[in-house]
Amino acid sequence: TLTAHRLASGPGWRVVDVICTAGPHDRSEEEEHPLVSIAAVTAGTF
């Protein structure tokens, strides 16, 4: 379970608030970075 809310964007950049509620029994899925990604972890571990 993943929710993403775009907070702001401009030419060449966007900032998204991403909240994941997955746990130990949830299966991970392969994903792909469409752009250069720098994600600051603000809560939880993974």
All heavy atoms as atom14 arrays in JSON, in Angstrom:
{
  "sequence": "TLTAHRLASGPGWRVVDVICTAGPHDRSEEEEHPLVSIAAVTAGTF",
  "atom14_mask": [
    [1, 1, 1, 1, 1, 1, 1, 0, 0, 0, 0, 0, 0, 0],
    [1, 1, 1, 1, 1, 1, 1, 1, 0, 0, 0, 0, 0, 0],
    [1, 1, 1, 1, 1, 1, 1, 0, 0, 0, 0, 0, 0, 0],
    [1, 1, 1, 1, 1, 0, 0, 0, 0, 0, 0, 0, 0, 0],
    [1, 1, 1, 1, 1, 1, 1, 1, 1, 1, 0, 0, 0, 0],
    [1, 1, 1, 1, 1, 1, 1, 1, 1, 1, 1, 0, 0, 0],
    [1, 1, 1, 1, 1, 1, 1, 1, 0, 0, 0, 0, 0, 0],
    [1, 1, 1, 1, 1, 0, 0, 0, 0, 0, 0, 0, 0, 0],
    [1, 1, 1, 1, 1, 1, 0, 0, 0, 0, 0, 0, 0, 0],
    [1, 1, 1, 1, 0, 0, 0, 0, 0, 0, 0, 0, 0, 0],
    [1, 1, 1, 1, 1, 1, 1, 0, 0, 0, 0, 0, 0, 0],
    [1, 1, 1, 1, 0, 0, 0, 0, 0, 0, 0, 0, 0, 0],
    [1, 1, 1, 1, 1, 1, 1, 1, 1, 1, 1, 1, 1, 1],
    [1, 1, 1, 1, 1, 1, 1, 1, 1, 1, 1, 0, 0, 0],
    [1, 1, 1, 1, 1, 1, 1, 0, 0, 0, 0, 0, 0, 0],
    [1, 1, 1, 1, 1, 1, 1, 0, 0, 0, 0, 0, 0, 0],
    [1, 1, 1, 1, 1, 1, 1, 1, 0, 0, 0, 0, 0, 0],
    [1, 1, 1, 1, 1, 1, 1, 0, 0, 0, 0, 0, 0, 0],
    [1, 1, 1, 1, 1, 1, 1, 1, 0, 0, 0, 0, 0, 0],
    [1, 1, 1, 1, 1, 1, 0, 0, 0, 0, 0, 0, 0, 0],
    [1, 1, 1, 1, 1, 1, 1, 0, 0, 0, 0, 0, 0, 0],
    [1, 1, 1, 1, 1, 0, 0, 0, 0, 0, 0, 0, 0, 0],
    [1, 1, 1, 1, 0, 0, 0, 0, 0, 0, 0, 0, 0, 0],
    [1, 1, 1, 1, 1, 1, 1, 0, 0, 0, 0, 0, 0, 0],
    [1, 1, 1, 1, 1, 1, 1, 1, 1, 1, 0, 0, 0, 0],
    [1, 1, 1, 1, 1, 1, 1, 1, 0, 0, 0, 0, 0, 0],
    [1, 1, 1, 1, 1, 1, 1, 1, 1, 1, 1, 0, 0, 0],
    [1, 1, 1, 1, 1, 1, 0, 0, 0, 0, 0, 0, 0, 0],
    [1, 1, 1, 1, 1, 1, 1, 1, 1, 0, 0, 0, 0, 0],
    [1, 1, 1, 1, 1, 1, 1, 1, 1, 0, 0, 0, 0, 0],
    [1, 1, 1, 1, 1, 1, 1, 1, 1, 0, 0, 0, 0, 0],
    [1, 1, 1, 1, 1, 1, 1, 1, 1, 0, 0, 0, 0, 0],
    [1, 1, 1, 1, 1, 1, 1, 1, 1, 1, 0, 0, 0, 0],
    [1, 1, 1, 1, 1, 1, 1, 0, 0, 0, 0, 0, 0, 0],
    [1, 1, 1, 1, 1, 1, 1, 1, 0, 0, 0, 0, 0, 0],
    [1, 1, 1, 1, 1, 1, 1, 0, 0, 0, 0, 0, 0, 0],
    [1, 1, 1, 1, 1, 1, 0, 0, 0, 0, 0, 0, 0, 0],
    [1, 1, 1, 1, 1, 1, 1, 1, 0, 0, 0, 0, 0, 0],
    [1, 1, 1, 1, 1, 0, 0, 0, 0, 0, 0, 0, 0, 0],
    [1, 1, 1, 1, 1, 0, 0, 0, 0, 0, 0, 0, 0, 0],
    [1, 1, 1, 1, 1, 1, 1, 0, 0, 0, 0, 0, 0, 0],
    [1, 1, 1, 1, 1, 1, 1, 0, 0, 0, 0, 0, 0, 0],
    [1, 1, 1, 1, 1, 0, 0, 0, 0, 0, 0, 0, 0, 0],
    [1, 1, 1, 1, 0, 0, 0, 0, 0, 0, 0, 0, 0, 0],
    [1, 1, 1, 1, 1, 1, 1, 0, 0, 0, 0, 0, 0, 0],
    [1, 1, 1, 1, 1, 1, 1, 1, 1, 1, 1, 0, 0, 0]
  ],
  "atom14_positions": [
    [[0.84, -1.18, 0.0], [0.0, 0.0, 0.0], [0.88, 1.24, 0.0], [1.64, 1.48, 0.93], [-0.92, 0.0, 1.23], [-1.67, -1.2, 1.23], [-1.87, 1.17, 1.19], [0.0, 0.0, 0.0], [0.0, 0.0, 0.0], [0.0, 0.0, 0.0], [0.0, 0.0, 0.0], [0.0, 0.0, 0.0], [0.0, 0.0, 0.0], [0.0, 0.0, 0.0]],
    [[0.78, 1.99, -1.08], [1.62, 3.16, -1.28], [0.74, 4.33, -1.67], [-0.1, 4.21, -2.56], [2.62, 2.85, -2.4], [3.79, 3.79, -2.59], [4.8, 3.6, -1.46], [4.46, 3.46, -3.91], [0.0, 0.0, 0.0], [0.0, 0.0, 0.0], [0.0, 0.0, 0.0], [0.0, 0.0, 0.0], [0.0, 0.0, 0.0], [0.0, 0.0, 0.0]],
    [[0.94, 5.46, -0.99], [0.26, 6.68, -1.41], [1.32, 7.72, -1.71], [2.34, 7.8, -1.04], [-0.7, 7.23, -0.33], [0.04, 7.49, 0.86], [-1.81, 6.24, -0.03], [0.0, 0.0, 0.0], [0.0, 0.0, 0.0], [0.0, 0.0, 0.0], [0.0, 0.0, 0.0], [0.0, 0.0, 0.0], [0.0, 0.0, 0.0], [0.0, 0.0, 0.0]],
    [[1.08, 8.47, -2.76], [2.02, 9.5, -3.17], [1.25, 10.78, -3.45], [0.25, 10.77, -4.16], [2.78, 9.05, -4.41], [0.0, 0.0, 0.0], [0.0, 0.0, 0.0], [0.0, 0.0, 0.0], [0.0, 0.0, 0.0], [0.0, 0.0, 0.0], [0.0, 0.0, 0.0], [0.0, 0.0, 0.0], [0.0, 0.0, 0.0], [0.0, 0.0, 0.0]],
    [[1.73, 11.87, -2.86], [1.08, 13.17, -3.03], [2.13, 14.17, -3.49], [3.1, 14.43, -2.78], [0.46, 13.61, -1.69], [-0.19, 14.94, -1.76], [0.4, 16.07, -1.25], [-1.38, 15.34, -2.28], [-0.39, 17.11, -1.45], [-1.47, 16.69, -2.08], [0.0, 0.0, 0.0], [0.0, 0.0, 0.0], [0.0, 0.0, 0.0], [0.0, 0.0, 0.0]],
    [[1.94, 14.72, -4.69], [2.87, 15.71, -5.21], [2.73, 16.99, -4.4], [1.65, 17.56, -4.29], [2.62, 16.0, -6.68], [3.66, 16.97, -7.26], [3.42, 17.27, -8.69], [3.68, 16.08, -9.49], [4.0, 16.1, -10.77], [4.08, 17.24, -11.41], [4.22, 14.99, -11.42], [0.0, 0.0, 0.0], [0.0, 0.0, 0.0], [0.0, 0.0, 0.0]],
    [[3.84, 17.43, -3.82], [3.84, 18.64, -3.0], [4.15, 19.89, -3.82], [3.59, 20.95, -3.55], [4.85, 18.51, -1.86], [4.61, 17.37, -0.88], [5.78, 17.26, 0.09], [3.3, 17.56, -0.14], [0.0, 0.0, 0.0], [0.0, 0.0, 0.0], [0.0, 0.0, 0.0], [0.0, 0.0, 0.0], [0.0, 0.0, 0.0], [0.0, 0.0, 0.0]],
    [[5.08, 19.75, -4.76], [5.51, 20.9, -5.55], [6.24, 20.4, -6.78], [6.76, 19.28, -6.8], [6.43, 21.8, -4.72], [0.0, 0.0, 0.0], [0.0, 0.0, 0.0], [0.0, 0.0, 0.0], [0.0, 0.0, 0.0], [0.0, 0.0, 0.0], [0.0, 0.0, 0.0], [0.0, 0.0, 0.0], [0.0, 0.0, 0.0], [0.0, 0.0, 0.0]],
    [[6.3, 21.26, -7.79], [7.05, 20.9, -8.99], [7.42, 22.16, -9.75], [6.83, 23.23, -9.54], [6.25, 19.95, -9.88], [5.06, 20.58, -10.34], [0.0, 0.0, 0.0], [0.0, 0.0, 0.0], [0.0, 0.0, 0.0], [0.0, 0.0, 0.0], [0.0, 0.0, 0.0], [0.0, 0.0, 0.0], [0.0, 0.0, 0.0], [0.0, 0.0, 0.0]],
    [[8.41, 22.01, -10.6], [8.86, 23.09, -11.45], [9.58, 22.49, -12.64], [9.63, 21.27, -12.77], [0.0, 0.0, 0.0], [0.0, 0.0, 0.0], [0.0, 0.0, 0.0], [0.0, 0.0, 0.0], [0.0, 0.0, 0.0], [0.0, 0.0, 0.0], [0.0, 0.0, 0.0], [0.0, 0.0, 0.0], [0.0, 0.0, 0.0], [0.0, 0.0, 0.0]],
    [[10.17, 23.32, -13.48], [10.88, 22.8, -14.65], [12.01, 21.85, -14.23], [12.96, 22.26, -13.57], [11.43, 24.04, -15.34], [10.57, 25.16, -14.85], [10.17, 24.78, -13.45], [0.0, 0.0, 0.0], [0.0, 0.0, 0.0], [0.0, 0.0, 0.0], [0.0, 0.0, 0.0], [0.0, 0.0, 0.0], [0.0, 0.0, 0.0], [0.0, 0.0, 0.0]],
    [[11.87, 20.57, -14.55], [12.92, 19.59, -14.28], [12.89, 18.94, -12.92], [13.75, 18.12, -12.62], [0.0, 0.0, 0.0], [0.0, 0.0, 0.0], [0.0, 0.0, 0.0], [0.0, 0.0, 0.0], [0.0, 0.0, 0.0], [0.0, 0.0, 0.0], [0.0, 0.0, 0.0], [0.0, 0.0, 0.0], [0.0, 0.0, 0.0], [0.0, 0.0, 0.0]],
    [[11.94, 19.27, -12.07], [11.91, 18.69, -10.72], [10.49, 18.56, -10.2], [9.6, 19.27, -10.62], [12.75, 19.51, -9.75], [12.23, 20.91, -9.54], [12.52, 22.01, -10.29], [11.3, 21.35, -8.53], [11.83, 23.1, -9.81], [11.07, 22.73, -8.73], [10.64, 20.7, -7.49], [10.23, 23.47, -7.93], [9.79, 21.44, -6.69], [9.59, 22.82, -6.9]],
    [[10.32, 17.63, -9.27], [9.07, 17.48, -8.53], [9.39, 16.86, -7.18], [10.36, 16.1, -7.05], [8.04, 16.66, -9.3], [8.42, 15.26, -9.59], [7.8, 14.63, -10.81], [7.86, 15.29, -12.09], [8.96, 15.47, -12.85], [10.11, 15.03, -12.44], [8.91, 16.07, -14.0], [0.0, 0.0, 0.0], [0.0, 0.0, 0.0], [0.0, 0.0, 0.0]],
    [[8.58, 17.21, -6.19], [8.74, 16.67, -4.85], [7.45, 15.97, -4.48], [6.37, 16.55, -4.59], [9.06, 17.77, -3.81], [9.23, 17.16, -2.42], [10.31, 18.54, -4.21], [0.0, 0.0, 0.0], [0.0, 0.0, 0.0], [0.0, 0.0, 0.0], [0.0, 0.0, 0.0], [0.0, 0.0, 0.0], [0.0, 0.0, 0.0], [0.0, 0.0, 0.0]],
    [[7.58, 14.7, -4.06], [6.42, 13.87, -3.76], [6.55, 13.33, -2.33], [7.61, 12.83, -1.95], [6.31, 12.71, -4.77], [5.1, 11.84, -4.47], [6.26, 13.23, -6.19], [0.0, 0.0, 0.0], [0.0, 0.0, 0.0], [0.0, 0.0, 0.0], [0.0, 0.0, 0.0], [0.0, 0.0, 0.0], [0.0, 0.0, 0.0], [0.0, 0.0, 0.0]],
    [[5.48, 13.44, -1.57], [5.4, 12.85, -0.23], [4.89, 11.42, -0.41], [3.77, 11.21, -0.88], [4.44, 13.67, 0.64], [4.4, 13.22, 2.08], [5.37, 12.55, 2.54], [3.42, 13.55, 2.76], [0.0, 0.0, 0.0], [0.0, 0.0, 0.0], [0.0, 0.0, 0.0], [0.0, 0.0, 0.0], [0.0, 0.0, 0.0], [0.0, 0.0, 0.0]],
    [[5.73, 10.44, -0.08], [5.4, 9.03, -0.3], [5.25, 8.34, 1.05], [6.17, 8.37, 1.88], [6.5, 8.33, -1.14], [6.15, 6.86, -1.35], [6.71, 9.04, -2.46], [0.0, 0.0, 0.0], [0.0, 0.0, 0.0], [0.0, 0.0, 0.0], [0.0, 0.0, 0.0], [0.0, 0.0, 0.0], [0.0, 0.0, 0.0], [0.0, 0.0, 0.0]],
    [[4.11, 7.7, 1.24], [3.85, 6.95, 2.47], [3.57, 5.5, 2.08], [2.7, 5.22, 1.25], [2.66, 7.54, 3.24], [2.95, 8.99, 3.63], [2.36, 6.68, 4.48], [1.77, 9.72, 4.24], [0.0, 0.0, 0.0], [0.0, 0.0, 0.0], [0.0, 0.0, 0.0], [0.0, 0.0, 0.0], [0.0, 0.0, 0.0], [0.0, 0.0, 0.0]],
    [[4.3, 4.58, 2.67], [4.14, 3.16, 2.42], [3.71, 2.48, 3.72], [4.28, 2.76, 4.78], [5.46, 2.56, 1.93], [5.36, 0.78, 1.63], [0.0, 0.0, 0.0], [0.0, 0.0, 0.0], [0.0, 0.0, 0.0], [0.0, 0.0, 0.0], [0.0, 0.0, 0.0], [0.0, 0.0, 0.0], [0.0, 0.0, 0.0], [0.0, 0.0, 0.0]],
    [[2.73, 1.61, 3.63], [2.25, 0.9, 4.82], [2.57, -0.6, 4.76], [2.02, -1.37, 5.53], [0.74, 1.1, 5.0], [0.06, 0.6, 3.85], [0.41, 2.57, 5.25], [0.0, 0.0, 0.0], [0.0, 0.0, 0.0], [0.0, 0.0, 0.0], [0.0, 0.0, 0.0], [0.0, 0.0, 0.0], [0.0, 0.0, 0.0], [0.0, 0.0, 0.0]],
    [[3.45, -1.01, 3.86], [3.81, -2.42, 3.73], [4.51, -2.91, 4.99], [5.15, -2.14, 5.71], [4.7, -2.63, 2.52], [0.0, 0.0, 0.0], [0.0, 0.0, 0.0], [0.0, 0.0, 0.0], [0.0, 0.0, 0.0], [0.0, 0.0, 0.0], [0.0, 0.0, 0.0], [0.0, 0.0, 0.0], [0.0, 0.0, 0.0], [0.0, 0.0, 0.0]],
    [[4.42, -4.21, 5.2], [5.06, -4.83, 6.35], [5.78, -6.1, 5.97], [5.91, -6.44, 4.79], [0.0, 0.0, 0.0], [0.0, 0.0, 0.0], [0.0, 0.0, 0.0], [0.0, 0.0, 0.0], [0.0, 0.0, 0.0], [0.0, 0.0, 0.0], [0.0, 0.0, 0.0], [0.0, 0.0, 0.0], [0.0, 0.0, 0.0], [0.0, 0.0, 0.0]],
    [[6.23, -6.85, 6.98], [7.02, -8.06, 6.75], [6.31, -9.13, 5.91], [6.98, -9.91, 5.24], [7.31, -8.58, 8.16], [7.17, -7.39, 9.04], [6.13, -6.53, 8.39], [0.0, 0.0, 0.0], [0.0, 0.0, 0.0], [0.0, 0.0, 0.0], [0.0, 0.0, 0.0], [0.0, 0.0, 0.0], [0.0, 0.0, 0.0], [0.0, 0.0, 0.0]],
    [[5.02, -9.16, 5.91], [4.31, -10.21, 5.18], [3.88, -9.78, 3.78], [3.29, -10.57, 3.05], [3.1, -10.69, 5.98], [3.49, -11.22, 7.33], [4.22, -12.38, 7.48], [3.3, -10.73, 8.57], [4.45, -12.59, 8.77], [3.91, -11.6, 9.45], [0.0, 0.0, 0.0], [0.0, 0.0, 0.0], [0.0, 0.0, 0.0], [0.0, 0.0, 0.0]],
    [[4.19, -8.55, 3.41], [3.85, -8.06, 2.09], [4.98, -8.34, 1.1], [6.16, -8.16, 1.43], [3.57, -6.55, 2.13], [2.34, -6.21, 2.94], [1.29, -6.82, 2.67], [2.44, -5.36, 3.84], [0.0, 0.0, 0.0], [0.0, 0.0, 0.0], [0.0, 0.0, 0.0], [0.0, 0.0, 0.0], [0.0, 0.0, 0.0], [0.0, 0.0, 0.0]],
    [[4.61, -8.79, -0.06], [5.59, -9.13, -1.09], [6.04, -7.85, -1.8], [5.22, -7.01, -2.17], [4.94, -10.08, -2.08], [5.87, -10.6, -3.1], [5.18, -11.66, -3.93], [6.06, -12.01, -5.01], [5.7, -12.62, -6.08], [4.45, -12.97, -6.24], [6.57, -12.92, -7.01], [0.0, 0.0, 0.0], [0.0, 0.0, 0.0], [0.0, 0.0, 0.0]],
    [[7.34, -7.74, -2.04], [7.85, -6.57, -2.76], [7.69, -6.79, -4.26], [7.69, -7.92, -4.74], [9.31, -6.3, -2.41], [10.14, -7.34, -2.9], [0.0, 0.0, 0.0], [0.0, 0.0, 0.0], [0.0, 0.0, 0.0], [0.0, 0.0, 0.0], [0.0, 0.0, 0.0], [0.0, 0.0, 0.0], [0.0, 0.0, 0.0], [0.0, 0.0, 0.0]],
    [[7.54, -5.69, -4.97], [7.41, -5.74, -6.42], [8.54, -4.95, -7.04], [8.99, -3.96, -6.48], [6.07, -5.14, -6.85], [4.88, -5.92, -6.35], [3.56, -5.3, -6.78], [3.56, -4.56, -7.79], [2.56, -5.56, -6.12], [0.0, 0.0, 0.0], [0.0, 0.0, 0.0], [0.0, 0.0, 0.0], [0.0, 0.0, 0.0], [0.0, 0.0, 0.0]],
    [[8.97, -5.4, -8.23], [10.01, -4.65, -8.92], [9.43, -3.36, -9.48], [8.34, -3.35, -10.05], [10.61, -5.49, -10.05], [11.81, -4.81, -10.67], [12.57, -5.71, -11.61], [12.2, -5.77, -12.79], [13.52, -6.35, -11.14], [0.0, 0.0, 0.0], [0.0, 0.0, 0.0], [0.0, 0.0, 0.0], [0.0, 0.0, 0.0], [0.0, 0.0, 0.0]],
    [[10.15, -2.29, -9.27], [9.76, -0.97, -9.75], [10.94, -0.38, -10.53], [12.03, -0.94, -10.52], [9.39, -0.06, -8.58], [8.23, -0.6, -7.74], [7.93, 0.27, -6.56], [7.5, 1.42, -6.78], [8.14, -0.17, -5.42], [0.0, 0.0, 0.0], [0.0, 0.0, 0.0], [0.0, 0.0, 0.0], [0.0, 0.0, 0.0], [0.0, 0.0, 0.0]],
    [[10.72, 0.74, -11.19], [11.78, 1.4, -11.95], [11.78, 2.89, -11.66], [10.72, 3.51, -11.61], [11.56, 1.17, -13.44], [12.62, 1.8, -14.31], [12.38, 1.57, -15.79], [11.74, 0.57, -16.15], [12.83, 2.41, -16.58], [0.0, 0.0, 0.0], [0.0, 0.0, 0.0], [0.0, 0.0, 0.0], [0.0, 0.0, 0.0], [0.0, 0.0, 0.0]],
    [[12.98, 3.44, -11.48], [13.11, 4.89, -11.32], [12.96, 5.53, -12.7], [13.81, 5.31, -13.57], [14.49, 5.26, -10.75], [14.72, 4.81, -9.35], [14.05, 5.36, -8.28], [15.56, 3.88, -8.83], [14.47, 4.79, -7.17], [15.39, 3.89, -7.48], [0.0, 0.0, 0.0], [0.0, 0.0, 0.0], [0.0, 0.0, 0.0], [0.0, 0.0, 0.0]],
    [[11.93, 6.33, -12.92], [11.79, 6.98, -14.23], [12.73, 8.17, -14.39], [13.08, 8.55, -15.51], [10.34, 7.43, -14.26], [9.96, 7.58, -12.82], [10.78, 6.58, -12.07], [0.0, 0.0, 0.0], [0.0, 0.0, 0.0], [0.0, 0.0, 0.0], [0.0, 0.0, 0.0], [0.0, 0.0, 0.0], [0.0, 0.0, 0.0], [0.0, 0.0, 0.0]],
    [[13.15, 8.76, -13.28], [14.0, 9.95, -13.27], [15.12, 9.76, -12.26], [15.16, 8.75, -11.56], [13.17, 11.18, -12.89], [11.99, 11.52, -13.8], [11.09, 12.55, -13.15], [12.48, 12.0, -15.15], [0.0, 0.0, 0.0], [0.0, 0.0, 0.0], [0.0, 0.0, 0.0], [0.0, 0.0, 0.0], [0.0, 0.0, 0.0], [0.0, 0.0, 0.0]],
    [[15.98, 10.72, -12.14], [16.95, 10.73, -11.04], [16.14, 10.87, -9.76], [15.26, 11.73, -9.66], [17.95, 11.9, -11.18], [18.89, 11.94, -9.98], [18.74, 11.79, -12.49], [0.0, 0.0, 0.0], [0.0, 0.0, 0.0], [0.0, 0.0, 0.0], [0.0, 0.0, 0.0], [0.0, 0.0, 0.0], [0.0, 0.0, 0.0], [0.0, 0.0, 0.0]],
    [[16.43, 10.02, -8.78], [15.65, 10.03, -7.53], [16.56, 10.22, -6.33], [17.57, 9.53, -6.19], [14.89, 8.7, -7.37], [13.98, 8.53, -8.41], [0.0, 0.0, 0.0], [0.0, 0.0, 0.0], [0.0, 0.0, 0.0], [0.0, 0.0, 0.0], [0.0, 0.0, 0.0], [0.0, 0.0, 0.0], [0.0, 0.0, 0.0], [0.0, 0.0, 0.0]],
    [[16.17, 11.15, -5.49], [16.78, 11.34, -4.18], [15.62, 11.34, -3.2], [14.8, 12.26, -3.22], [17.56, 12.67, -4.08], [18.67, 12.74, -5.13], [18.12, 12.84, -2.66], [19.35, 14.11, -5.22], [0.0, 0.0, 0.0], [0.0, 0.0, 0.0], [0.0, 0.0, 0.0], [0.0, 0.0, 0.0], [0.0, 0.0, 0.0], [0.0, 0.0, 0.0]],
    [[15.51, 10.3, -2.4], [14.39, 10.19, -1.47], [14.91, 10.27, -0.04], [15.71, 9.44, 0.39], [13.63, 8.89, -1.69], [0.0, 0.0, 0.0], [0.0, 0.0, 0.0], [0.0, 0.0, 0.0], [0.0, 0.0, 0.0], [0.0, 0.0, 0.0], [0.0, 0.0, 0.0], [0.0, 0.0, 0.0], [0.0, 0.0, 0.0], [0.0, 0.0, 0.0]],
    [[14.45, 11.28, 0.67], [14.83, 11.48, 2.07], [13.88, 10.68, 2.95], [12.67, 10.95, 2.95], [14.78, 12.96, 2.42], [0.0, 0.0, 0.0], [0.0, 0.0, 0.0], [0.0, 0.0, 0.0], [0.0, 0.0, 0.0], [0.0, 0.0, 0.0], [0.0, 0.0, 0.0], [0.0, 0.0, 0.0], [0.0, 0.0, 0.0], [0.0, 0.0, 0.0]],
    [[14.42, 9.73, 3.69], [13.59, 8.92, 4.59], [13.29, 9.75, 5.83], [14.2, 10.21, 6.52], [14.28, 7.6, 4.96], [13.39, 6.76, 5.87], [14.67, 6.82, 3.71], [0.0, 0.0, 0.0], [0.0, 0.0, 0.0], [0.0, 0.0, 0.0], [0.0, 0.0, 0.0], [0.0, 0.0, 0.0], [0.0, 0.0, 0.0], [0.0, 0.0, 0.0]],
    [[12.0, 9.95, 6.11], [11.61, 10.76, 7.26], [10.99, 9.94, 8.38], [10.88, 10.43, 9.51], [10.65, 11.89, 6.85], [9.46, 11.32, 6.3], [11.3, 12.81, 5.81], [0.0, 0.0, 0.0], [0.0, 0.0, 0.0], [0.0, 0.0, 0.0], [0.0, 0.0, 0.0], [0.0, 0.0, 0.0], [0.0, 0.0, 0.0], [0.0, 0.0, 0.0]],
    [[10.59, 8.7, 8.09], [10.03, 7.82, 9.13], [10.12, 6.37, 8.66], [10.07, 6.1, 7.46], [8.57, 8.18, 9.4], [0.0, 0.0, 0.0], [0.0, 0.0, 0.0], [0.0, 0.0, 0.0], [0.0, 0.0, 0.0], [0.0, 0.0, 0.0], [0.0, 0.0, 0.0], [0.0, 0.0, 0.0], [0.0, 0.0, 0.0], [0.0, 0.0, 0.0]],
    [[10.27, 5.46, 9.6], [10.29, 4.04, 9.28], [11.62, 3.57, 8.72], [12.55, 4.35, 8.53], [0.0, 0.0, 0.0], [0.0, 0.0, 0.0], [0.0, 0.0, 0.0], [0.0, 0.0, 0.0], [0.0, 0.0, 0.0], [0.0, 0.0, 0.0], [0.0, 0.0, 0.0], [0.0, 0.0, 0.0], [0.0, 0.0, 0.0], [0.0, 0.0, 0.0]],
    [[11.7, 2.27, 8.5], [12.89, 1.67, 7.89], [12.44, 0.7, 6.81], [11.34, 0.15, 6.86], [13.74, 0.9, 8.93], [12.97, -0.15, 9.48], [14.25, 1.81, 10.03], [0.0, 0.0, 0.0], [0.0, 0.0, 0.0], [0.0, 0.0, 0.0], [0.0, 0.0, 0.0], [0.0, 0.0, 0.0], [0.0, 0.0, 0.0], [0.0, 0.0, 0.0]],
    [[13.32, 0.51, 5.84], [13.05, -0.47, 4.78], [14.35, -0.87, 4.1], [15.37, -0.22, 4.25], [12.03, 0.06, 3.77], [12.45, 1.3, 3.03], [13.0, 1.21, 1.77], [12.27, 2.55, 3.58], [13.37, 2.34, 1.06], [12.63, 3.7, 2.89], [13.19, 3.59, 1.62], [0.0, 0.0, 0.0], [0.0, 0.0, 0.0], [0.0, 0.0, 0.0]]
  ]
}
